[in-house]
C-alpha atoms as a PDB file:
ATOM      1  CA  MET A   1      42.185 -64.560  28.136  1.00  0.00           C
ATOM      2  CA  LEU A   2      42.087 -67.757  30.172  1.00  0.00           C
ATOM      3  CA  HIS A   3      43.068 -70.403  27.648  1.00  0.00           C
ATOM      4  CA  LEU A   4      45.766 -72.028  29.802  1.00  0.00           C
ATOM      5  CA  PHE A   5      43.569 -71.951  32.889  1.00  0.00           C
ATOM      6  CA  LEU A   6      40.728 -73.549  30.930  1.00  0.00           C
ATOM      7  CA  GLY A   7      43.069 -76.338  29.849  1.00  0.00           C
ATOM      8  CA  HIS A   8      44.043 -76.988  33.460  1.00  0.00           C
ATOM      9  CA  PHE A   9      40.435 -77.002  34.628  1.00  0.00           C
ATOM     10  CA  VAL A  10      39.278 -79.335  31.869  1.00  0.00           C
ATOM     11  CA  ALA A  11      42.219 -81.690  32.485  1.00  0.00           C
ATOM     12  CA  ASP A  12      41.292 -82.265  36.126  1.00  0.00           C
ATOM     13  CA  HIS A  13      37.552 -81.656  36.173  1.00  0.00           C
ATOM     14  CA  GLY A  14      36.107 -81.947  32.689  1.00  0.00           C
ATOM     15  CA  PHE A  15      34.686 -85.287  31.574  1.00  0.00           C
ATOM     16  CA  THR A  16      35.864 -86.957  34.767  1.00  0.00           C
ATOM     17  CA  ASN A  17      35.003 -87.391  38.426  1.00  0.00           C
ATOM     18  CA  ASN A  18      37.769 -85.441  40.145  1.00  0.00           C
ATOM     19  CA  SER A  19      37.325 -87.472  43.342  1.00  0.00           C
ATOM     20  CA  LYS A  20      38.171 -90.682  41.488  1.00  0.00           C
ATOM     21  CA  ILE A  21      41.446 -89.253  40.162  1.00  0.00           C
ATOM     22  CA  ARG A  22      42.751 -89.453  43.719  1.00  0.00           C
ATOM     23  CA  ASN A  23      42.574 -93.233  43.600  1.00  0.00           C
ATOM     24  CA  LEU A  24      44.152 -93.812  40.207  1.00  0.00           C
ATOM     25  CA  GLN A  25      47.186 -96.070  40.131  1.00  0.00           C
ATOM     26  CA  ASN A  26      49.823 -97.154  37.619  1.00  0.00           C
ATOM     27  CA  LEU A  27      48.437 -97.315  34.072  1.00  0.00           C
ATOM     28  CA  LYS A  28      45.229 -95.422  34.829  1.00  0.00           C
ATOM     29  CA  LEU A  29      47.199 -92.604  36.463  1.00  0.00           C
ATOM     30  CA  PHE A  30      49.529 -92.514  33.453  1.00  0.00           C
ATOM     31  CA  GLN A  31      46.514 -92.353  31.128  1.00  0.00           C
ATOM     32  CA  HIS A  32      45.107 -89.425  33.084  1.00  0.00           C
ATOM     33  CA  MET A  33      48.448 -87.624  32.845  1.00  0.00           C
ATOM     34  CA  ILE A  34      48.492 -88.092  29.083  1.00  0.00           C
ATOM     35  CA  TRP A  35      44.908 -86.802  28.934  1.00  0.00           C
ATOM     36  CA  SER A  36      45.976 -83.771  30.994  1.00  0.00           C
ATOM     37  CA  ILE A  37      48.758 -82.922  28.539  1.00  0.00           C
ATOM     38  CA  PHE A  38      46.407 -83.096  25.551  1.00  0.00           C
ATOM     39  CA  ALA A  39      43.691 -81.136  27.378  1.00  0.00           C
ATOM     40  CA  ILE A  40      46.107 -78.301  28.135  1.00  0.00           C
ATOM     41  CA  LEU A  41      47.563 -78.338  24.612  1.00  0.00           C
ATOM     42  CA  ALA A  42      44.084 -78.307  23.053  1.00  0.00           C
ATOM     43  CA  PHE A  43      43.548 -74.724  24.220  1.00  0.00           C
ATOM     44  CA  THR A  44      47.108 -73.435  23.867  1.00  0.00           C
ATOM     45  CA  PHE A  45      48.967 -75.204  21.053  1.00  0.00           C
ATOM     46  CA  ASP A  46      48.235 -72.564  18.416  1.00  0.00           C
ATOM     47  CA  THR A  47      49.701 -69.747  20.489  1.00  0.00           C
ATOM     48  CA  LEU A  48      52.192 -71.116  23.021  1.00  0.00           C
ATOM     49  CA  LEU A  49      54.218 -73.334  20.686  1.00  0.00           C
ATOM     50  CA  LYS A  50      55.587 -70.423  18.667  1.00  0.00           C
ATOM     51  CA  SER A  51      58.396 -68.962  20.785  1.00  0.00           C
ATOM     52  CA  SER A  52      61.015 -70.167  23.235  1.00  0.00           C
ATOM     53  CA  PHE A  53      59.461 -68.117  26.054  1.00  0.00           C
ATOM     54  CA  THR A  54      55.911 -69.420  25.632  1.00  0.00           C
ATOM     55  CA  ILE A  55      57.120 -72.983  25.097  1.00  0.00           C
ATOM     56  CA  THR A  56      59.149 -72.754  28.303  1.00  0.00           C
ATOM     57  CA  VAL A  57      56.162 -71.429  30.269  1.00  0.00           C
ATOM     58  CA  LEU A  58      53.917 -74.115  28.832  1.00  0.00           C
ATOM     59  CA  VAL A  59      56.344 -76.980  29.519  1.00  0.00           C
ATOM     60  CA  ILE A  60      56.996 -75.821  33.101  1.00  0.00           C
ATOM     61  CA  PHE A  61      53.285 -75.550  33.777  1.00  0.00           C
ATOM     62  CA  ILE A  62      52.563 -78.989  32.318  1.00  0.00           C
ATOM     63  CA  VAL A  63      55.312 -80.481  34.498  1.00  0.00           C
ATOM     64  CA  ILE A  64      53.828 -78.784  37.582  1.00  0.00           C
ATOM     65  CA  HIS A  65      50.384 -80.048  36.643  1.00  0.00           C
ATOM     66  CA  LEU A  66      51.656 -83.616  36.271  1.00  0.00           C
ATOM     67  CA  VAL A  67      53.479 -83.431  39.596  1.00  0.00           C
ATOM     68  CA  MET A  68      50.215 -82.368  41.238  1.00  0.00           C
ATOM     69  CA  ASP A  69      48.458 -85.296  39.565  1.00  0.00           C
ATOM     70  CA  TYR A  70      51.025 -87.624  41.120  1.00  0.00           C
ATOM     71  CA  VAL A  71      50.966 -85.989  44.548  1.00  0.00           C
ATOM     72  CA  ARG A  72      47.177 -86.046  44.605  1.00  0.00           C
ATOM     73  CA  VAL A  73      47.063 -89.853  44.602  1.00  0.00           C
ATOM     74  CA  LYS A  74      49.602 -90.033  47.417  1.00  0.00           C
ATOM     75  CA  VAL A  75      47.770 -87.692  49.781  1.00  0.00           C
ATOM     76  CA  LYS A  76      44.831 -89.093  51.747  1.00  0.00           C
ATOM     77  CA  ASN A  77      44.001 -86.151  53.994  1.00  0.00           C
ATOM     78  CA  LYS A  78      41.037 -84.291  52.448  1.00  0.00           C
ATOM     79  CA  PHE A  79      42.203 -80.897  53.680  1.00  0.00           C
ATOM     80  CA  TYR A  80      45.516 -81.289  51.881  1.00  0.00           C
ATOM     81  CA  LEU A  81      43.715 -82.525  48.777  1.00  0.00           C
ATOM     82  CA  HIS A  82      41.738 -79.292  48.658  1.00  0.00           C
ATOM     83  CA  ILE A  83      44.974 -77.336  49.144  1.00  0.00           C
ATOM     84  CA  ILE A  84      46.425 -79.168  46.150  1.00  0.00           C
ATOM     85  CA  GLU A  85      43.383 -78.266  44.045  1.00  0.00           C
ATOM     86  CA  LEU A  86      43.569 -74.604  45.093  1.00  0.00           C
ATOM     87  CA  THR A  87      47.310 -74.544  44.449  1.00  0.00           C
ATOM     88  CA  GLY A  88      46.675 -75.880  40.971  1.00  0.00           C
ATOM     89  CA  ILE A  89      44.055 -73.204  40.306  1.00  0.00           C
ATOM     90  CA  PHE A  90      46.259 -70.321  41.476  1.00  0.00           C
ATOM     91  CA  THR A  91      49.297 -71.727  39.658  1.00  0.00           C
ATOM     92  CA  ALA A  92      47.280 -71.963  36.436  1.00  0.00           C
ATOM     93  CA  LEU A  93      46.114 -68.372  36.850  1.00  0.00           C
ATOM     94  CA  ILE A  94      49.677 -67.134  37.433  1.00  0.00           C
ATOM     95  CA  PHE A  95      51.090 -68.979  34.421  1.00  0.00           C
ATOM     96  CA  ASN A  96      48.108 -67.879  32.351  1.00  0.00           C
ATOM     97  CA  PHE A  97      48.860 -64.255  33.265  1.00  0.00           C
ATOM     98  CA  LEU A  98      52.446 -64.662  32.034  1.00  0.00           C
ATOM     99  CA  VAL A  99      51.291 -65.548  28.524  1.00  0.00           C
ATOM    100  CA  SER A 100      47.798 -64.042  28.363  1.00  0.00           C
ATOM    101  CA  LYS A 101      48.691 -61.489  25.678  1.00  0.00           C
ATOM    102  CA  TYR A 102      49.560 -64.286  23.257  1.00  0.00           C
ATOM    103  CA  PHE A 103      46.024 -65.636  23.448  1.00  0.00           C
ATOM    104  CA  GLU A 104      44.777 -62.547  21.626  1.00  0.00           C
ATOM    105  CA  PHE A 105      45.849 -64.311  18.432  1.00  0.00           C
ATOM    106  CA  SER A 106      44.290 -67.671  19.306  1.00  0.00           C
ATOM    107  CA  TYR A 107      41.790 -69.357  17.034  1.00  0.00           C
ATOM    108  CA  LEU A 108      39.603 -69.552  20.145  1.00  0.00           C
ATOM    109  CA  SER A 109      37.997 -66.205  20.890  1.00  0.00           C
ATOM    110  CA  LYS A 110      37.928 -64.781  24.400  1.00  0.00           C
ATOM    111  CA  GLU A 111      34.152 -65.071  24.495  1.00  0.00           C
ATOM    112  CA  PHE A 112      34.218 -68.723  23.451  1.00  0.00           C
ATOM    113  CA  VAL A 113      36.832 -69.587  26.078  1.00  0.00           C
ATOM    114  CA  TYR A 114      34.761 -67.861  28.771  1.00  0.00           C
ATOM    115  CA  TYR A 115      31.708 -69.746  27.511  1.00  0.00           C
ATOM    116  CA  LEU A 116      33.494 -73.104  27.774  1.00  0.00           C
ATOM    117  CA  LEU A 117      34.884 -72.196  31.183  1.00  0.00           C
ATOM    118  CA  GLY A 118      31.410 -71.211  32.351  1.00  0.00           C
ATOM    119  CA  MET A 119      30.058 -74.582  31.217  1.00  0.00           C
ATOM    120  CA  ALA A 120      32.830 -76.302  33.158  1.00  0.00           C
ATOM    121  CA  VAL A 121      32.184 -74.285  36.311  1.00  0.00           C
ATOM    122  CA  VAL A 122      28.393 -74.677  36.264  1.00  0.00           C
ATOM    123  CA  SER A 123      28.723 -78.431  35.790  1.00  0.00           C
ATOM    124  CA  THR A 124      31.834 -79.864  37.436  1.00  0.00           C
ATOM    125  CA  ALA A 125      32.572 -77.212  40.077  1.00  0.00           C
ATOM    126  CA  VAL A 126      29.152 -77.764  41.651  1.00  0.00           C
ATOM    127  CA  SER A 127      29.669 -81.529  41.515  1.00  0.00           C
ATOM    128  CA  TYR A 128      32.995 -81.001  43.305  1.00  0.00           C
ATOM    129  CA  PHE A 129      31.070 -79.245  46.089  1.00  0.00           C
ATOM    130  CA  PHE A 130      28.601 -82.123  46.346  1.00  0.00           C
ATOM    131  CA  ARG A 131      31.285 -84.787  46.478  1.00  0.00           C
ATOM    132  CA  ASN A 132      33.631 -83.032  48.870  1.00  0.00           C
ATOM    133  CA  PHE A 133      31.575 -80.805  51.157  1.00  0.00           C
ATOM    134  CA  TYR A 134      27.826 -81.377  51.050  1.00  0.00           C
ATOM    135  CA  PRO A 135      26.644 -84.074  51.289  1.00  0.00           C
ATOM    136  CA  GLY A 136      30.327 -85.042  51.092  1.00  0.00           C
ATOM    137  CA  ASP A 137      29.900 -88.325  49.222  1.00  0.00           C
ATOM    138  CA  GLU A 138      32.811 -88.980  46.828  1.00  0.00           C
ATOM    139  CA  ASP A 139      30.628 -91.410  44.872  1.00  0.00           C
ATOM    140  CA  PHE A 140      27.776 -88.915  44.590  1.00  0.00           C
ATOM    141  CA  GLU A 141      26.154 -89.348  41.163  1.00  0.00           C
ATOM    142  CA  ASP A 142      25.304 -85.961  39.697  1.00  0.00           C
ATOM    143  CA  LEU A 143      24.633 -86.727  36.043  1.00  0.00           C
ATOM    144  CA  GLU A 144      21.077 -85.376  36.240  1.00  0.00           C
ATOM    145  CA  GLY A 145      22.268 -82.267  38.050  1.00  0.00           C
ATOM    146  CA  ILE A 146      25.020 -81.618  35.522  1.00  0.00           C
ATOM    147  CA  SER A 147      22.538 -81.990  32.663  1.00  0.00           C
ATOM    148  CA  GLU A 148      20.022 -79.549  34.105  1.00  0.00           C
ATOM    149  CA  ARG A 149      22.687 -76.988  35.026  1.00  0.00           C
ATOM    150  CA  LEU A 150      24.230 -77.134  31.569  1.00  0.00           C
ATOM    151  CA  ALA A 151      20.821 -76.855  29.934  1.00  0.00           C
ATOM    152  CA  PHE A 152      19.971 -73.784  32.006  1.00  0.00           C
ATOM    153  CA  PHE A 153      23.355 -72.215  31.216  1.00  0.00           C
ATOM    154  CA  VAL A 154      23.041 -72.792  27.466  1.00  0.00           C
ATOM    155  CA  PHE A 155      19.399 -71.694  27.142  1.00  0.00           C
ATOM    156  CA  PHE A 156      19.729 -68.647  29.388  1.00  0.00           C
ATOM    157  CA  LEU A 157      22.819 -67.320  27.605  1.00  0.00           C
ATOM    158  CA  ALA A 158      21.072 -67.965  24.292  1.00  0.00           C
ATOM    159  CA  GLY A 159      18.338 -65.573  25.362  1.00  0.00           C
ATOM    160  CA  LYS A 160      15.763 -68.287  26.045  1.00  0.00           C
ATOM    161  CA  PRO A 161      14.929 -67.886  29.761  1.00  0.00           C
ATOM    162  CA  GLY A 162      11.653 -69.781  29.363  1.00  0.00           C
ATOM    163  CA  LEU A 163      13.456 -72.891  28.118  1.00  0.00           C
ATOM    164  CA  ALA A 164      16.125 -72.387  30.764  1.00  0.00           C
ATOM    165  CA  PHE A 165      13.670 -72.528  33.663  1.00  0.00           C
ATOM    166  CA  LEU A 166      11.688 -75.267  31.937  1.00  0.00           C
ATOM    167  CA  SER A 167      14.846 -77.414  31.960  1.00  0.00           C
ATOM    168  CA  LEU A 168      15.067 -76.965  35.735  1.00  0.00           C
ATOM    169  CA  GLY A 169      11.442 -77.977  36.103  1.00  0.00           C
ATOM    170  CA  ILE A 170      11.952 -81.079  33.988  1.00  0.00           C
ATOM    171  CA  GLY A 171      15.032 -81.936  36.036  1.00  0.00           C
ATOM    172  CA  PHE A 172      12.994 -81.699  39.229  1.00  0.00           C
ATOM    173  CA  LEU A 173      10.240 -83.930  37.843  1.00  0.00           C
ATOM    174  CA  TYR A 174      12.823 -86.436  36.650  1.00  0.00           C
ATOM    175  CA  ARG A 175      14.284 -86.708  40.144  1.00  0.00           C
ATOM    176  CA  ILE A 176      10.826 -87.345  41.606  1.00  0.00           C
ATOM    177  CA  TRP A 177      10.189 -90.029  38.972  1.00  0.00           C
ATOM    178  CA  LYS A 178      13.574 -91.701  39.329  1.00  0.00           C
ATOM    179  CA  ILE A 179      14.280 -91.427  43.059  1.00  0.00           C
ATOM    180  CA  LYS A 180      10.654 -91.197  44.295  1.00  0.00           C
ATOM    181  CA  LYS A 181      11.820 -89.507  47.464  1.00  0.00           C
ATOM    182  CA  PHE A 182      12.457 -85.815  48.037  1.00  0.00           C
ATOM    183  CA  SER A 183      16.010 -84.897  49.056  1.00  0.00           C
ATOM    184  CA  HIS A 184      16.939 -81.688  50.832  1.00  0.00           C
ATOM    185  CA  VAL A 185      19.986 -81.246  48.549  1.00  0.00           C
ATOM    186  CA  TRP A 186      17.901 -80.943  45.370  1.00  0.00           C
ATOM    187  CA  TRP A 187      17.596 -77.179  45.621  1.00  0.00           C
ATOM    188  CA  ILE A 188      21.385 -76.645  45.504  1.00  0.00           C
ATOM    189  CA  SER A 189      21.788 -77.735  41.881  1.00  0.00           C
ATOM    190  CA  PRO A 190      19.148 -75.494  40.242  1.00  0.00           C
ATOM    191  CA  LEU A 191      19.942 -72.513  42.475  1.00  0.00           C
ATOM    192  CA  SER A 192      23.662 -72.773  41.762  1.00  0.00           C
ATOM    193  CA  SER A 193      22.989 -72.944  38.025  1.00  0.00           C
ATOM    194  CA  ILE A 194      20.950 -69.736  38.208  1.00  0.00           C
ATOM    195  CA  ILE A 195      23.527 -67.858  40.294  1.00  0.00           C
ATOM    196  CA  ILE A 196      26.556 -68.957  38.260  1.00  0.00           C
ATOM    197  CA  THR A 197      24.859 -68.295  34.921  1.00  0.00           C
ATOM    198  CA  VAL A 198      23.657 -64.811  35.885  1.00  0.00           C
ATOM    199  CA  LEU A 199      27.113 -63.886  37.197  1.00  0.00           C
ATOM    200  CA  TRP A 200      28.823 -65.375  34.155  1.00  0.00           C
ATOM    201  CA  LYS A 201      26.752 -63.621  31.496  1.00  0.00           C
ATOM    202  CA  PRO A 202      28.601 -60.251  31.697  1.00  0.00           C
ATOM    203  CA  LEU A 203      31.890 -62.049  30.964  1.00  0.00           C
ATOM    204  CA  ILE A 204      30.595 -63.168  27.575  1.00  0.00           C
ATOM    205  CA  PHE A 205      28.292 -60.366  26.442  1.00  0.00           C
END
């Protein structure tokens, strides 16, 4: 049961370029913090707002998350930024463990949460690698890569491997048509989608 962890991951990585969060200031940073609160509550409100213990755990975690959001924009050293991200991940896992039994009664099933988390990992986690490690370009546009990885994930877990691999082929042809120049990083996106999806399948089925 990873509802709280999923909320944390979506808040900082879903529907946003995590690298750009580091440069948010004033109103935009405040807006991201508000988004983070709603993202975390979206996956936990039906279970963690019912007792003083769970409310306390939830509030403390949200405060920690917001502090990390603030600290992230103040730190410029990339190594420390990665430490902040890892700290957030491990903190979310620890707090999730404290209240995991309550998620058994959530309107979101365990399988659905794992499915959503898998979609987040196969899309944004790989983009995080591109933007921070290889090729290490914070402005790296990965919309095509995210689309093909998500398509493979969805089709493969739906029992349609033919459509899954076809989506990778179409993604490759699209890159050739759009960029018109082969890049040595192209193989990372489709390969990562295959590896992550195959490893993720036993968590859902």
